[in-house]
C-alpha cells in the first residue's frame, strides 16, 4: 500500500462529530499475558494504518519511539512516517509480530523503519537503543518516550516490590536514561515528547504505582523543558485518557471493567490510538516552535488542571 493509498480524503476529516467519529466499544472480557499483542485484541485498535492522513509536516526528520509496536506508540510511529519521517521503534521481544506490522506500514510509506527489541528496564539497553537508532537512521531529532508498564491491583498491600520496581524502572527511570543518552545526538530544533496520562491528575485507586510514575513524568517534562530550551530543544508531553491498547487486556484493567472501558468520559467512549497521533505530530513539528513544557491532554473531555 502506498502512502497516498493509505491516506483518507480531506472530505472525511473536514467536519466530523467527535462522539461518533469512532464507534463506542464494549470490549468483551479478555485476558492476555503481559505485555499483550495488539493483533490478538477484540476489537482491534486503530493505529492509523487506514485512517491517518499525512501532510508532509515532518519531511526528512528522524524519530525514535519507545514502545512503538502497538497502541499509542504505534500510532505515533505511523503518523510520523505518513508525515515524512524515518522511524525507529523499540519493543519487548514478545511483541515482535506487532512490531513487524508497524515496520511494514512505515516502509510502505517509503520511509526507513528500524526495529529494536529489548527491555528498557535494563539500563544498558536504554543507551543501546539510542545508539542503534542514531546509527541506522543517520541521526536523531525526535524522541518519543512512550513505553510503559501498567498493572491493575486492588490494594496497595498487593503491590509487591517486583511490580513496584518494574513499573518505576519502565515508566520513569528508563525515560531519564533514554533521554540522557539521546542528548548527545539531538541538534537544535529537536523535540522530546513524553507520554504521561490522565492518571497523573485523576489517579485510579487500582493504579497507584502507575499513576505515581505518570505524575513524575509531568514534573520531569516541565523541568527538562526549562533546562533544554536555551539549546533549542523543546520538551513537551501528551496525557491520554482511556485509549484501547494492549495494555488494557494484559493486566492493565480488571477483566470485568473492559466492557465499559472509557464510557465515563464526556464523549462517552474510549479513544482509538490514532486519535493521539495528531498531538504527537504537532509537538514534533516546527508549527509548535513556541510550545515548551506543555502537556496536551487528549482525554475526551475529562477536566484536568
C-alpha atoms as a PDB file:
ATOM      1  CA  UNK A   1       0.000   0.000   0.000  1.00  0.00           C
ATOM      2  CA  UNK A   2       1.429   3.397  -0.955  1.00  0.00           C
ATOM      3  CA  UNK A   3       1.404   6.463   1.236  1.00  0.00           C
ATOM      4  CA  UNK A   4      -1.254   8.074  -0.955  1.00  0.00           C
ATOM      5  CA  UNK A   5      -3.431   4.952  -0.941  1.00  0.00           C
ATOM      6  CA  UNK A   6      -3.362   4.822   2.852  1.00  0.00           C
ATOM      7  CA  UNK A   7      -4.496   8.426   3.283  1.00  0.00           C
ATOM      8  CA  UNK A   8      -8.153   9.203   3.818  1.00  0.00           C
ATOM      9  CA  UNK A   9      -9.612  12.058   1.842  1.00  0.00           C
ATOM     10  CA  UNK A  10      -9.747  15.611   3.076  1.00  0.00           C
ATOM     11  CA  UNK A  11     -13.550  15.493   2.927  1.00  0.00           C
ATOM     12  CA  UNK A  12     -13.614  12.711   5.529  1.00  0.00           C
ATOM     13  CA  UNK A  13     -11.854  14.948   8.049  1.00  0.00           C
ATOM     14  CA  UNK A  14     -13.418  18.267   7.062  1.00  0.00           C
ATOM     15  CA  UNK A  15     -16.310  18.039   9.540  1.00  0.00           C
ATOM     16  CA  UNK A  16     -16.912  15.200  11.990  1.00  0.00           C
ATOM     17  CA  UNK A  17     -18.809  14.664  15.210  1.00  0.00           C
ATOM     18  CA  UNK A  18     -16.185  13.519  17.747  1.00  0.00           C
ATOM     19  CA  UNK A  19     -18.803  11.496  19.610  1.00  0.00           C
ATOM     20  CA  UNK A  20     -19.167   9.064  16.749  1.00  0.00           C
ATOM     21  CA  UNK A  21     -16.033   9.581  14.640  1.00  0.00           C
ATOM     22  CA  UNK A  22     -15.011   6.209  16.065  1.00  0.00           C
ATOM     23  CA  UNK A  23     -17.584   3.764  17.432  1.00  0.00           C
ATOM     24  CA  UNK A  24     -18.202   3.315  21.120  1.00  0.00           C
ATOM     25  CA  UNK A  25     -16.664  -0.026  22.018  1.00  0.00           C
ATOM     26  CA  UNK A  26     -17.714  -2.578  24.607  1.00  0.00           C
ATOM     27  CA  UNK A  27     -14.765  -4.969  24.581  1.00  0.00           C
ATOM     28  CA  UNK A  28     -15.598  -8.477  25.762  1.00  0.00           C
ATOM     29  CA  UNK A  29     -13.840  -9.765  28.831  1.00  0.00           C
ATOM     30  CA  UNK A  30     -10.439 -10.927  27.639  1.00  0.00           C
ATOM     31  CA  UNK A  31      -7.024 -11.560  29.064  1.00  0.00           C
ATOM     32  CA  UNK A  32      -3.512 -11.696  27.693  1.00  0.00           C
ATOM     33  CA  UNK A  33      -0.260 -12.257  29.481  1.00  0.00           C
ATOM     34  CA  UNK A  34       1.936  -9.179  29.668  1.00  0.00           C
ATOM     35  CA  UNK A  35       2.857  -7.345  27.512  1.00  0.00           C
ATOM     36  CA  UNK A  36      -0.031  -8.345  25.242  1.00  0.00           C
ATOM     37  CA  UNK A  37      -0.335  -8.276  21.460  1.00  0.00           C
ATOM     38  CA  UNK A  38      -2.462  -5.834  19.528  1.00  0.00           C
ATOM     39  CA  UNK A  39      -3.251  -8.378  16.841  1.00  0.00           C
ATOM     40  CA  UNK A  40      -4.946 -10.618  19.435  1.00  0.00           C
ATOM     41  CA  UNK A  41      -7.276  -7.933  20.825  1.00  0.00           C
ATOM     42  CA  UNK A  42     -11.017  -7.777  20.256  1.00  0.00           C
ATOM     43  CA  UNK A  43     -11.803  -5.344  18.756  1.00  0.00           C
ATOM     44  CA  UNK A  44      -8.519  -4.496  17.031  1.00  0.00           C
ATOM     45  CA  UNK A  45      -7.322  -0.950  17.851  1.00  0.00           C
ATOM     46  CA  UNK A  46      -6.972   1.620  15.078  1.00  0.00           C
ATOM     47  CA  UNK A  47      -3.348   2.830  14.907  1.00  0.00           C
ATOM     48  CA  UNK A  48      -3.943   4.892  11.775  1.00  0.00           C
ATOM     49  CA  UNK A  49      -2.988   2.306   9.168  1.00  0.00           C
ATOM     50  CA  UNK A  50      -6.068   3.266   7.127  1.00  0.00           C
ATOM     51  CA  UNK A  51      -7.223   6.422   8.919  1.00  0.00           C
ATOM     52  CA  UNK A  52      -4.234   8.761   9.327  1.00  0.00           C
ATOM     53  CA  UNK A  53      -3.674  11.257   6.517  1.00  0.00           C
ATOM     54  CA  UNK A  54      -0.218  12.800   6.275  1.00  0.00           C
ATOM     55  CA  UNK A  55       0.593  16.291   5.003  1.00  0.00           C
ATOM     56  CA  UNK A  56       4.400  16.259   4.897  1.00  0.00           C
ATOM     57  CA  UNK A  57       4.926  18.107   8.186  1.00  0.00           C
ATOM     58  CA  UNK A  58       7.948  16.007   9.218  1.00  0.00           C
ATOM     59  CA  UNK A  59       9.754  15.532   5.912  1.00  0.00           C
ATOM     60  CA  UNK A  60      13.320  14.347   6.440  1.00  0.00           C
ATOM     61  CA  UNK A  61      13.022  14.010  10.223  1.00  0.00           C
ATOM     62  CA  UNK A  62      14.390  11.065  12.208  1.00  0.00           C
ATOM     63  CA  UNK A  63      12.382   9.730  15.146  1.00  0.00           C
ATOM     64  CA  UNK A  64      12.820   7.178  17.912  1.00  0.00           C
ATOM     65  CA  UNK A  65       9.586   5.944  19.525  1.00  0.00           C
ATOM     66  CA  UNK A  66       9.839   3.661  22.550  1.00  0.00           C
ATOM     67  CA  UNK A  67       7.012   1.166  22.829  1.00  0.00           C
ATOM     68  CA  UNK A  68       6.275   1.711  19.150  1.00  0.00           C
ATOM     69  CA  UNK A  69       4.952  -1.753  18.369  1.00  0.00           C
ATOM     70  CA  UNK A  70       1.328  -1.116  19.331  1.00  0.00           C
ATOM     71  CA  UNK A  71      -1.143   1.317  20.811  1.00  0.00           C
ATOM     72  CA  UNK A  72      -0.186   4.972  21.199  1.00  0.00           C
ATOM     73  CA  UNK A  73       3.458   4.414  20.265  1.00  0.00           C
ATOM     74  CA  UNK A  74       2.490   2.612  17.063  1.00  0.00           C
ATOM     75  CA  UNK A  75       0.015   5.353  16.168  1.00  0.00           C
ATOM     76  CA  UNK A  76       2.734   7.995  16.645  1.00  0.00           C
ATOM     77  CA  UNK A  77       5.195   5.968  14.552  1.00  0.00           C
ATOM     78  CA  UNK A  78       2.680   5.508  11.723  1.00  0.00           C
ATOM     79  CA  UNK A  79       1.757   9.197  11.771  1.00  0.00           C
ATOM     80  CA  UNK A  80       5.398  10.272  11.748  1.00  0.00           C
ATOM     81  CA  UNK A  81       6.052   8.071   8.712  1.00  0.00           C
ATOM     82  CA  UNK A  82       2.980   9.425   6.925  1.00  0.00           C
ATOM     83  CA  UNK A  83       4.326  12.916   7.646  1.00  0.00           C
ATOM     84  CA  UNK A  84       7.667  12.047   6.033  1.00  0.00           C
ATOM     85  CA  UNK A  85       9.910  10.903   8.909  1.00  0.00           C
ATOM     86  CA  UNK A  86      12.110   7.837   9.206  1.00  0.00           C
ATOM     87  CA  UNK A  87      11.232   5.975  12.399  1.00  0.00           C
ATOM     88  CA  UNK A  88      12.929   3.604  14.835  1.00  0.00           C
ATOM     89  CA  UNK A  89      10.737   1.753  17.333  1.00  0.00           C
ATOM     90  CA  UNK A  90      11.595  -0.195  20.473  1.00  0.00           C
ATOM     91  CA  UNK A  91       9.578  -3.068  21.890  1.00  0.00           C
ATOM     92  CA  UNK A  92       9.822  -6.178  24.018  1.00  0.00           C
ATOM     93  CA  UNK A  93      10.895  -9.374  22.207  1.00  0.00           C
ATOM     94  CA  UNK A  94       7.448 -10.894  22.854  1.00  0.00           C
ATOM     95  CA  UNK A  95       5.926  -8.076  20.771  1.00  0.00           C
ATOM     96  CA  UNK A  96       7.862  -8.933  17.604  1.00  0.00           C
ATOM     97  CA  UNK A  97       4.785  -9.674  15.471  1.00  0.00           C
ATOM     98  CA  UNK A  98       3.164  -6.328  16.245  1.00  0.00           C
ATOM     99  CA  UNK A  99       6.465  -4.526  15.718  1.00  0.00           C
ATOM    100  CA  UNK A 100       6.997  -6.026  12.284  1.00  0.00           C
ATOM    101  CA  UNK A 101       3.492  -4.984  11.264  1.00  0.00           C
ATOM    102  CA  UNK A 102       4.230  -1.373  12.234  1.00  0.00           C
ATOM    103  CA  UNK A 103       7.587  -1.515  10.445  1.00  0.00           C
ATOM    104  CA  UNK A 104       5.826  -2.679   7.286  1.00  0.00           C
ATOM    105  CA  UNK A 105       3.442   0.279   7.435  1.00  0.00           C
ATOM    106  CA  UNK A 106       6.406   2.634   7.801  1.00  0.00           C
ATOM    107  CA  UNK A 107       8.260   1.144   4.832  1.00  0.00           C
ATOM    108  CA  UNK A 108       5.060   1.173   2.769  1.00  0.00           C
ATOM    109  CA  UNK A 109       5.137   4.942   3.266  1.00  0.00           C
ATOM    110  CA  UNK A 110       8.541   4.983   1.608  1.00  0.00           C
ATOM    111  CA  UNK A 111      10.321   5.679   4.892  1.00  0.00           C
ATOM    112  CA  UNK A 112      13.116   3.862   6.710  1.00  0.00           C
ATOM    113  CA  UNK A 113      11.936   1.631   9.585  1.00  0.00           C
ATOM    114  CA  UNK A 114      14.280   0.425  12.334  1.00  0.00           C
ATOM    115  CA  UNK A 115      13.112  -2.215  14.829  1.00  0.00           C
ATOM    116  CA  UNK A 116      14.949  -2.607  18.138  1.00  0.00           C
ATOM    117  CA  UNK A 117      13.877  -5.372  20.522  1.00  0.00           C
ATOM    118  CA  UNK A 118      14.817  -5.332  24.198  1.00  0.00           C
ATOM    119  CA  UNK A 119      13.701  -4.347  27.677  1.00  0.00           C
ATOM    120  CA  UNK A 120      14.077  -0.728  28.795  1.00  0.00           C
ATOM    121  CA  UNK A 121      14.192  -1.910  32.401  1.00  0.00           C
ATOM    122  CA  UNK A 122      17.823  -2.746  31.565  1.00  0.00           C
ATOM    123  CA  UNK A 123      19.872   0.479  31.903  1.00  0.00           C
ATOM    124  CA  UNK A 124      22.344  -0.672  29.260  1.00  0.00           C
ATOM    125  CA  UNK A 125      19.562  -1.165  26.724  1.00  0.00           C
ATOM    126  CA  UNK A 126      18.415   2.430  27.257  1.00  0.00           C
ATOM    127  CA  UNK A 127      21.741   3.603  25.854  1.00  0.00           C
ATOM    128  CA  UNK A 128      21.879   0.898  23.191  1.00  0.00           C
ATOM    129  CA  UNK A 129      18.535   1.859  21.637  1.00  0.00           C
ATOM    130  CA  UNK A 130      19.685   5.435  21.137  1.00  0.00           C
ATOM    131  CA  UNK A 131      22.979   4.386  19.532  1.00  0.00           C
ATOM    132  CA  UNK A 132      21.165   1.915  17.275  1.00  0.00           C
ATOM    133  CA  UNK A 133      18.593   4.490  16.227  1.00  0.00           C
ATOM    134  CA  UNK A 134      21.201   7.150  15.504  1.00  0.00           C
ATOM    135  CA  UNK A 135      23.350   4.717  13.551  1.00  0.00           C
ATOM    136  CA  UNK A 136      20.567   3.197  11.477  1.00  0.00           C
ATOM    137  CA  UNK A 137      18.618   6.410  10.878  1.00  0.00           C
ATOM    138  CA  UNK A 138      21.673   8.564  10.299  1.00  0.00           C
ATOM    139  CA  UNK A 139      20.794  10.909  13.141  1.00  0.00           C
ATOM    140  CA  UNK A 140      18.010  11.722  15.573  1.00  0.00           C
ATOM    141  CA  UNK A 141      15.811  14.793  16.083  1.00  0.00           C
ATOM    142  CA  UNK A 142      12.560  13.433  17.548  1.00  0.00           C
ATOM    143  CA  UNK A 143      12.431  11.329  20.708  1.00  0.00           C
ATOM    144  CA  UNK A 144       9.124   9.930  21.958  1.00  0.00           C
ATOM    145  CA  UNK A 145       9.351   8.318  25.399  1.00  0.00           C
ATOM    146  CA  UNK A 146       6.216   6.225  25.327  1.00  0.00           C
ATOM    147  CA  UNK A 147       6.941   2.696  26.610  1.00  0.00           C
ATOM    148  CA  UNK A 148       5.254   1.874  29.896  1.00  0.00           C
ATOM    149  CA  UNK A 149       4.004  -0.753  32.308  1.00  0.00           C
ATOM    150  CA  UNK A 150       0.542  -0.758  33.910  1.00  0.00           C
ATOM    151  CA  UNK A 151      -0.842  -3.434  36.218  1.00  0.00           C
ATOM    152  CA  UNK A 152      -4.183  -3.002  37.978  1.00  0.00           C
ATOM    153  CA  UNK A 153      -4.045  -4.016  41.649  1.00  0.00           C
ATOM    154  CA  UNK A 154      -6.926  -3.808  44.100  1.00  0.00           C
ATOM    155  CA  UNK A 155      -4.878  -2.910  47.176  1.00  0.00           C
ATOM    156  CA  UNK A 156      -1.554  -1.289  47.992  1.00  0.00           C
ATOM    157  CA  UNK A 157      -0.749  -4.394  50.043  1.00  0.00           C
ATOM    158  CA  UNK A 158      -0.913  -6.440  46.819  1.00  0.00           C
ATOM    159  CA  UNK A 159       1.734  -4.370  45.035  1.00  0.00           C
ATOM    160  CA  UNK A 160       4.905  -6.352  45.568  1.00  0.00           C
ATOM    161  CA  UNK A 161       8.384  -4.924  45.299  1.00  0.00           C
ATOM    162  CA  UNK A 162       8.951  -6.589  41.921  1.00  0.00           C
ATOM    163  CA  UNK A 163       5.911  -4.920  40.341  1.00  0.00           C
ATOM    164  CA  UNK A 164       6.661  -1.608  42.036  1.00  0.00           C
ATOM    165  CA  UNK A 165      10.267  -1.517  40.875  1.00  0.00           C
ATOM    166  CA  UNK A 166       9.486  -2.689  37.338  1.00  0.00           C
ATOM    167  CA  UNK A 167       6.786  -0.038  36.937  1.00  0.00           C
ATOM    168  CA  UNK A 168       9.104   2.750  38.050  1.00  0.00           C
ATOM    169  CA  UNK A 169      12.023   1.410  36.001  1.00  0.00           C
ATOM    170  CA  UNK A 170       9.929   1.084  32.842  1.00  0.00           C
ATOM    171  CA  UNK A 171       7.912   4.277  33.139  1.00  0.00           C
ATOM    172  CA  UNK A 172      10.198   6.941  34.562  1.00  0.00           C
ATOM    173  CA  UNK A 173      13.770   5.677  35.126  1.00  0.00           C
ATOM    174  CA  UNK A 174      14.020   4.462  31.525  1.00  0.00           C
ATOM    175  CA  UNK A 175      12.779   7.872  30.397  1.00  0.00           C
ATOM    176  CA  UNK A 176      15.634   9.557  32.260  1.00  0.00           C
ATOM    177  CA  UNK A 177      18.159   7.129  30.806  1.00  0.00           C
ATOM    178  CA  UNK A 178      16.997   7.163  27.186  1.00  0.00           C
ATOM    179  CA  UNK A 179      16.737  10.940  27.174  1.00  0.00           C
ATOM    180  CA  UNK A 180      20.145  11.316  28.783  1.00  0.00           C
ATOM    181  CA  UNK A 181      21.688   9.139  26.086  1.00  0.00           C
ATOM    182  CA  UNK A 182      19.842  10.983  23.325  1.00  0.00           C
ATOM    183  CA  UNK A 183      21.043  14.433  24.363  1.00  0.00           C
ATOM    184  CA  UNK A 184      24.465  13.783  22.870  1.00  0.00           C
ATOM    185  CA  UNK A 185      22.838  13.459  19.443  1.00  0.00           C
ATOM    186  CA  UNK A 186      19.899  15.896  19.381  1.00  0.00           C
ATOM    187  CA  UNK A 187      20.617  19.103  17.429  1.00  0.00           C
ATOM    188  CA  UNK A 188      18.887  22.424  17.960  1.00  0.00           C
ATOM    189  CA  UNK A 189      15.347  22.151  16.612  1.00  0.00           C
ATOM    190  CA  UNK A 190      14.857  18.665  18.044  1.00  0.00           C
ATOM    191  CA  UNK A 191      11.845  17.696  20.109  1.00  0.00           C
ATOM    192  CA  UNK A 192      11.287  15.335  23.024  1.00  0.00           C
ATOM    193  CA  UNK A 193       7.740  14.157  23.705  1.00  0.00           C
ATOM    194  CA  UNK A 194       6.884  12.142  26.810  1.00  0.00           C
ATOM    195  CA  UNK A 195       3.713  10.097  27.212  1.00  0.00           C
ATOM    196  CA  UNK A 196       2.069  10.758  30.556  1.00  0.00           C
ATOM    197  CA  UNK A 197      -1.613  10.110  31.410  1.00  0.00           C
ATOM    198  CA  UNK A 198      -4.807  11.453  32.873  1.00  0.00           C
ATOM    199  CA  UNK A 199      -3.785   9.220  35.774  1.00  0.00           C
ATOM    200  CA  UNK A 200      -1.298  11.937  36.731  1.00  0.00           C
ATOM    201  CA  UNK A 201      -4.278  14.121  37.672  1.00  0.00           C
ATOM    202  CA  UNK A 202      -7.059  11.632  38.390  1.00  0.00           C
ATOM    203  CA  UNK A 203      -5.372   8.526  39.834  1.00  0.00           C
ATOM    204  CA  UNK A 204      -7.438   5.365  39.880  1.00  0.00           C
ATOM    205  CA  UNK A 205      -7.316   3.501  43.200  1.00  0.00           C
ATOM    206  CA  UNK A 206      -6.249   0.364  41.328  1.00  0.00           C
ATOM    207  CA  UNK A 207      -3.281   2.051  39.603  1.00  0.00           C
ATOM    208  CA  UNK A 208      -1.313   3.628  42.447  1.00  0.00           C
ATOM    209  CA  UNK A 209       2.160   2.767  41.185  1.00  0.00           C
ATOM    210  CA  UNK A 210       1.378   3.565  37.545  1.00  0.00           C
ATOM    211  CA  UNK A 211      -0.322   6.870  38.373  1.00  0.00           C
ATOM    212  CA  UNK A 212       2.607   7.908  40.562  1.00  0.00           C
ATOM    213  CA  UNK A 213       5.036   7.431  37.678  1.00  0.00           C
ATOM    214  CA  UNK A 214       2.829   9.478  35.374  1.00  0.00           C
ATOM    215  CA  UNK A 215       2.829  12.377  37.811  1.00  0.00           C
ATOM    216  CA  UNK A 216       6.621  12.101  37.895  1.00  0.00           C
ATOM    217  CA  UNK A 217       6.721  12.244  34.093  1.00  0.00           C
ATOM    218  CA  UNK A 218       4.783  15.519  34.143  1.00  0.00           C
ATOM    219  CA  UNK A 219       7.313  17.025  36.531  1.00  0.00           C
ATOM    220  CA  UNK A 220      10.290  15.625  34.599  1.00  0.00           C
ATOM    221  CA  UNK A 221       8.930  17.063  31.353  1.00  0.00           C
ATOM    222  CA  UNK A 222       8.409  20.576  32.718  1.00  0.00           C
ATOM    223  CA  UNK A 223      11.780  20.714  34.438  1.00  0.00           C
ATOM    224  CA  UNK A 224      13.699  19.313  31.473  1.00  0.00           C
ATOM    225  CA  UNK A 225      11.884  21.695  29.136  1.00  0.00           C
ATOM    226  CA  UNK A 226      13.322  24.667  31.009  1.00  0.00           C
ATOM    227  CA  UNK A 227      16.792  23.134  31.065  1.00  0.00           C
ATOM    228  CA  UNK A 228      16.913  22.427  27.323  1.00  0.00           C
ATOM    229  CA  UNK A 229      15.046  25.429  25.928  1.00  0.00           C
ATOM    230  CA  UNK A 230      18.245  27.542  25.621  1.00  0.00           C
ATOM    231  CA  UNK A 231      19.703  24.755  23.459  1.00  0.00           C
ATOM    232  CA  UNK A 232      16.748  24.945  21.083  1.00  0.00           C
ATOM    233  CA  UNK A 233      15.456  21.516  22.123  1.00  0.00           C
ATOM    234  CA  UNK A 234      11.779  21.513  23.021  1.00  0.00           C
ATOM    235  CA  UNK A 235      10.289  19.128  25.615  1.00  0.00           C
ATOM    236  CA  UNK A 236       6.556  18.527  25.945  1.00  0.00           C
ATOM    237  CA  UNK A 237       4.165  15.770  26.981  1.00  0.00           C
ATOM    238  CA  UNK A 238       0.925  14.149  25.884  1.00  0.00           C
ATOM    239  CA  UNK A 239      -1.546  12.977  28.536  1.00  0.00           C
ATOM    240  CA  UNK A 240      -4.006  10.484  27.051  1.00  0.00           C
ATOM    241  CA  UNK A 241      -7.266   9.495  28.660  1.00  0.00           C
ATOM    242  CA  UNK A 242      -8.632   5.961  28.230  1.00  0.00           C
ATOM    243  CA  UNK A 243      -7.228   4.507  24.992  1.00  0.00           C
ATOM    244  CA  UNK A 244      -7.905   0.990  23.688  1.00  0.00           C
ATOM    245  CA  UNK A 245      -4.418  -0.562  23.619  1.00  0.00           C
ATOM    246  CA  UNK A 246      -2.862  -3.942  24.543  1.00  0.00           C
ATOM    247  CA  UNK A 247      -2.015  -2.620  27.995  1.00  0.00           C
ATOM    248  CA  UNK A 248      -5.706  -2.821  28.944  1.00  0.00           C
ATOM    249  CA  UNK A 249      -6.414  -6.576  28.497  1.00  0.00           C
ATOM    250  CA  UNK A 250      -2.923  -7.571  29.698  1.00  0.00           C
ATOM    251  CA  UNK A 251      -3.353  -6.747  33.408  1.00  0.00           C
ATOM    252  CA  UNK A 252      -3.891  -3.000  32.881  1.00  0.00           C
ATOM    253  CA  UNK A 253      -7.594  -3.198  33.733  1.00  0.00           C
ATOM    254  CA  UNK A 254      -9.720  -5.747  35.607  1.00  0.00           C
ATOM    255  CA  UNK A 255     -11.366  -8.001  33.016  1.00  0.00           C
ATOM    256  CA  UNK A 256     -14.828  -7.204  34.339  1.00  0.00           C
ATOM    257  CA  UNK A 257     -14.209  -3.479  33.693  1.00  0.00           C
ATOM    258  CA  UNK A 258     -13.356  -3.878  29.992  1.00  0.00           C
ATOM    259  CA  UNK A 259     -16.919  -3.816  28.559  1.00  0.00           C
ATOM    260  CA  UNK A 260     -17.402  -0.264  29.910  1.00  0.00           C
ATOM    261  CA  UNK A 261     -13.847   0.934  29.314  1.00  0.00           C
ATOM    262  CA  UNK A 262     -13.771   4.646  28.511  1.00  0.00           C
ATOM    263  CA  UNK A 263     -17.527   5.140  28.565  1.00  0.00           C
ATOM    264  CA  UNK A 264     -17.398   7.518  31.540  1.00  0.00           C
ATOM    265  CA  UNK A 265     -15.670  10.251  29.502  1.00  0.00           C
ATOM    266  CA  UNK A 266     -17.769  13.218  28.318  1.00  0.00           C
ATOM    267  CA  UNK A 267     -17.560  11.820  24.778  1.00  0.00           C
ATOM    268  CA  UNK A 268     -18.894   8.530  26.110  1.00  0.00           C
ATOM    269  CA  UNK A 269     -16.258   6.303  24.532  1.00  0.00           C
ATOM    270  CA  UNK A 270     -12.641   5.216  24.725  1.00  0.00           C
ATOM    271  CA  UNK A 271     -10.179   6.669  22.245  1.00  0.00           C
ATOM    272  CA  UNK A 272      -8.520   4.814  19.431  1.00  0.00           C
ATOM    273  CA  UNK A 273      -4.704   5.100  19.390  1.00  0.00           C
ATOM    274  CA  UNK A 274      -4.740   7.055  16.131  1.00  0.00           C
ATOM    275  CA  UNK A 275      -6.629   9.858  17.890  1.00  0.00           C
ATOM    276  CA  UNK A 276      -3.491  10.510  19.947  1.00  0.00           C
ATOM    277  CA  UNK A 277      -1.262  10.822  16.880  1.00  0.00           C
ATOM    278  CA  UNK A 278      -2.044  14.445  15.889  1.00  0.00           C
ATOM    279  CA  UNK A 279      -0.878  15.671  19.299  1.00  0.00           C
ATOM    280  CA  UNK A 280       2.495  13.984  18.821  1.00  0.00           C
ATOM    281  CA  UNK A 281       2.806  15.295  15.266  1.00  0.00           C
ATOM    282  CA  UNK A 282       2.003  18.850  16.375  1.00  0.00           C
ATOM    283  CA  UNK A 283       4.585  18.746  19.173  1.00  0.00           C
ATOM    284  CA  UNK A 284       7.198  17.227  16.860  1.00  0.00           C
ATOM    285  CA  UNK A 285       6.694  19.746  14.056  1.00  0.00           C
ATOM    286  CA  UNK A 286       8.049  23.310  13.770  1.00  0.00           C
ATOM    287  CA  UNK A 287       4.440  24.538  13.991  1.00  0.00           C
ATOM    288  CA  UNK A 288       4.759  24.209  17.779  1.00  0.00           C
ATOM    289  CA  UNK A 289       8.053  26.116  17.956  1.00  0.00           C
ATOM    290  CA  UNK A 290       6.860  28.273  20.884  1.00  0.00           C
ATOM    291  CA  UNK A 291       5.306  25.379  22.807  1.00  0.00           C
ATOM    292  CA  UNK A 292       7.667  24.247  25.567  1.00  0.00           C
ATOM    293  CA  UNK A 293       6.932  22.445  28.837  1.00  0.00           C
ATOM    294  CA  UNK A 294       3.307  21.882  27.818  1.00  0.00           C
ATOM    295  CA  UNK A 295       1.132  18.847  28.488  1.00  0.00           C
ATOM    296  CA  UNK A 296      -1.548  18.234  25.875  1.00  0.00           C
ATOM    297  CA  UNK A 297      -4.485  16.447  27.468  1.00  0.00           C
ATOM    298  CA  UNK A 298      -6.121  14.195  24.874  1.00  0.00           C
ATOM    299  CA  UNK A 299      -8.776  12.611  27.031  1.00  0.00           C
ATOM    300  CA  UNK A 300     -12.245  13.010  25.561  1.00  0.00           C
ATOM    301  CA  UNK A 301     -13.167  15.997  27.713  1.00  0.00           C
ATOM    302  CA  UNK A 302     -12.278  14.928  31.257  1.00  0.00           C
ATOM    303  CA  UNK A 303     -11.329  18.074  33.270  1.00  0.00           C
ATOM    304  CA  UNK A 304      -7.649  18.389  34.175  1.00  0.00           C
ATOM    305  CA  UNK A 305      -5.545  21.176  35.762  1.00  0.00           C
END
